């Protein structure tokens, strides 16, 4: 038996209970996808990184005229 095999006498089965609460994972961080206004306030409280894609037409609605507000 290798050191990774579990002995039946020492195996513990854990069944998590369903919850709507935010699952905190300290030190691991959370990435939030999409706009901040789409996020649940609980998620915003624990998120440390955000990821969002933009269409170029949103940032340059007219040739040479830029709208940087979505990035701000």
C-alpha atoms as a PDB file:
ATOM      1  CA  UNK A   1       0.000   0.000   0.000  1.00  0.00           C
ATOM      2  CA  UNK A   2       1.474   3.392  -0.939  1.00  0.00           C
ATOM      3  CA  UNK A   3       1.491   6.376   1.395  1.00  0.00           C
ATOM      4  CA  UNK A   4      -1.403   8.015  -0.517  1.00  0.00           C
ATOM      5  CA  UNK A   5      -3.873   5.145  -0.205  1.00  0.00           C
ATOM      6  CA  UNK A   6      -6.611   5.696   2.374  1.00  0.00           C
ATOM      7  CA  UNK A   7      -7.327   3.023   4.920  1.00  0.00           C
ATOM      8  CA  UNK A   8     -11.095   2.322   5.168  1.00  0.00           C
ATOM      9  CA  UNK A   9     -10.954   2.619   8.950  1.00  0.00           C
ATOM     10  CA  UNK A  10      -9.523   6.167   8.784  1.00  0.00           C
ATOM     11  CA  UNK A  11     -11.642   7.533   5.927  1.00  0.00           C
ATOM     12  CA  UNK A  12     -14.035  10.364   6.783  1.00  0.00           C
ATOM     13  CA  UNK A  13     -16.887  11.379   4.505  1.00  0.00           C
ATOM     14  CA  UNK A  14     -17.830  15.063   4.580  1.00  0.00           C
ATOM     15  CA  UNK A  15     -21.097  16.289   3.036  1.00  0.00           C
ATOM     16  CA  UNK A  16     -21.250  20.101   2.825  1.00  0.00           C
ATOM     17  CA  UNK A  17     -24.577  21.810   3.491  1.00  0.00           C
ATOM     18  CA  UNK A  18     -26.078  23.964   0.729  1.00  0.00           C
ATOM     19  CA  UNK A  19     -25.614  27.698   1.292  1.00  0.00           C
ATOM     20  CA  UNK A  20     -26.159  30.976  -0.550  1.00  0.00           C
ATOM     21  CA  UNK A  21     -23.387  32.663   1.447  1.00  0.00           C
ATOM     22  CA  UNK A  22     -20.088  33.740  -0.086  1.00  0.00           C
ATOM     23  CA  UNK A  23     -17.455  31.073   0.475  1.00  0.00           C
ATOM     24  CA  UNK A  24     -14.364  32.848   1.778  1.00  0.00           C
ATOM     25  CA  UNK A  25     -10.996  31.463   0.824  1.00  0.00           C
ATOM     26  CA  UNK A  26      -8.479  33.620   2.710  1.00  0.00           C
ATOM     27  CA  UNK A  27      -5.161  34.169   0.997  1.00  0.00           C
ATOM     28  CA  UNK A  28      -6.313  32.680  -2.305  1.00  0.00           C
ATOM     29  CA  UNK A  29      -8.059  35.694  -3.816  1.00  0.00           C
ATOM     30  CA  UNK A  30     -11.109  36.035  -6.010  1.00  0.00           C
ATOM     31  CA  UNK A  31     -11.337  37.189  -9.622  1.00  0.00           C
ATOM     32  CA  UNK A  32     -14.578  38.908 -10.571  1.00  0.00           C
ATOM     33  CA  UNK A  33     -15.608  38.733 -14.234  1.00  0.00           C
ATOM     34  CA  UNK A  34     -17.644  41.504 -15.859  1.00  0.00           C
ATOM     35  CA  UNK A  35     -18.594  44.991 -14.776  1.00  0.00           C
ATOM     36  CA  UNK A  36     -18.435  45.932 -11.111  1.00  0.00           C
ATOM     37  CA  UNK A  37     -22.087  47.029 -11.134  1.00  0.00           C
ATOM     38  CA  UNK A  38     -23.090  43.473 -12.109  1.00  0.00           C
ATOM     39  CA  UNK A  39     -21.444  42.008  -8.996  1.00  0.00           C
ATOM     40  CA  UNK A  40     -23.118  41.088  -5.757  1.00  0.00           C
ATOM     41  CA  UNK A  41     -21.937  43.411  -2.941  1.00  0.00           C
ATOM     42  CA  UNK A  42     -20.733  40.367  -0.972  1.00  0.00           C
ATOM     43  CA  UNK A  43     -18.538  39.333  -3.901  1.00  0.00           C
ATOM     44  CA  UNK A  44     -17.164  42.868  -4.254  1.00  0.00           C
ATOM     45  CA  UNK A  45     -16.183  42.805  -0.578  1.00  0.00           C
ATOM     46  CA  UNK A  46     -13.898  39.799  -1.090  1.00  0.00           C
ATOM     47  CA  UNK A  47     -12.786  40.219  -4.728  1.00  0.00           C
ATOM     48  CA  UNK A  48      -9.220  41.331  -5.270  1.00  0.00           C
ATOM     49  CA  UNK A  49      -8.999  41.240  -9.085  1.00  0.00           C
ATOM     50  CA  UNK A  50     -11.358  42.096 -11.876  1.00  0.00           C
ATOM     51  CA  UNK A  51     -11.466  40.998 -15.505  1.00  0.00           C
ATOM     52  CA  UNK A  52     -13.505  42.655 -18.202  1.00  0.00           C
ATOM     53  CA  UNK A  53     -13.355  42.795 -21.992  1.00  0.00           C
ATOM     54  CA  UNK A  54     -14.361  45.822 -24.053  1.00  0.00           C
ATOM     55  CA  UNK A  55     -15.438  46.229 -27.637  1.00  0.00           C
ATOM     56  CA  UNK A  56     -13.161  48.745 -29.365  1.00  0.00           C
ATOM     57  CA  UNK A  57     -16.256  50.603 -30.625  1.00  0.00           C
ATOM     58  CA  UNK A  58     -17.181  51.282 -26.992  1.00  0.00           C
ATOM     59  CA  UNK A  59     -13.804  52.928 -26.380  1.00  0.00           C
ATOM     60  CA  UNK A  60     -13.628  54.750 -29.744  1.00  0.00           C
ATOM     61  CA  UNK A  61     -17.248  55.476 -30.691  1.00  0.00           C
ATOM     62  CA  UNK A  62     -16.150  57.808 -33.536  1.00  0.00           C
ATOM     63  CA  UNK A  63     -12.893  57.910 -35.461  1.00  0.00           C
ATOM     64  CA  UNK A  64     -10.344  59.706 -33.265  1.00  0.00           C
ATOM     65  CA  UNK A  65     -12.809  60.320 -30.402  1.00  0.00           C
ATOM     66  CA  UNK A  66     -12.120  58.177 -27.381  1.00  0.00           C
ATOM     67  CA  UNK A  67     -14.355  57.324 -24.445  1.00  0.00           C
ATOM     68  CA  UNK A  68     -12.147  56.192 -21.568  1.00  0.00           C
ATOM     69  CA  UNK A  69     -14.989  56.260 -19.015  1.00  0.00           C
ATOM     70  CA  UNK A  70     -15.542  52.459 -19.144  1.00  0.00           C
ATOM     71  CA  UNK A  71     -11.898  51.976 -18.114  1.00  0.00           C
ATOM     72  CA  UNK A  72     -12.060  54.560 -15.338  1.00  0.00           C
END
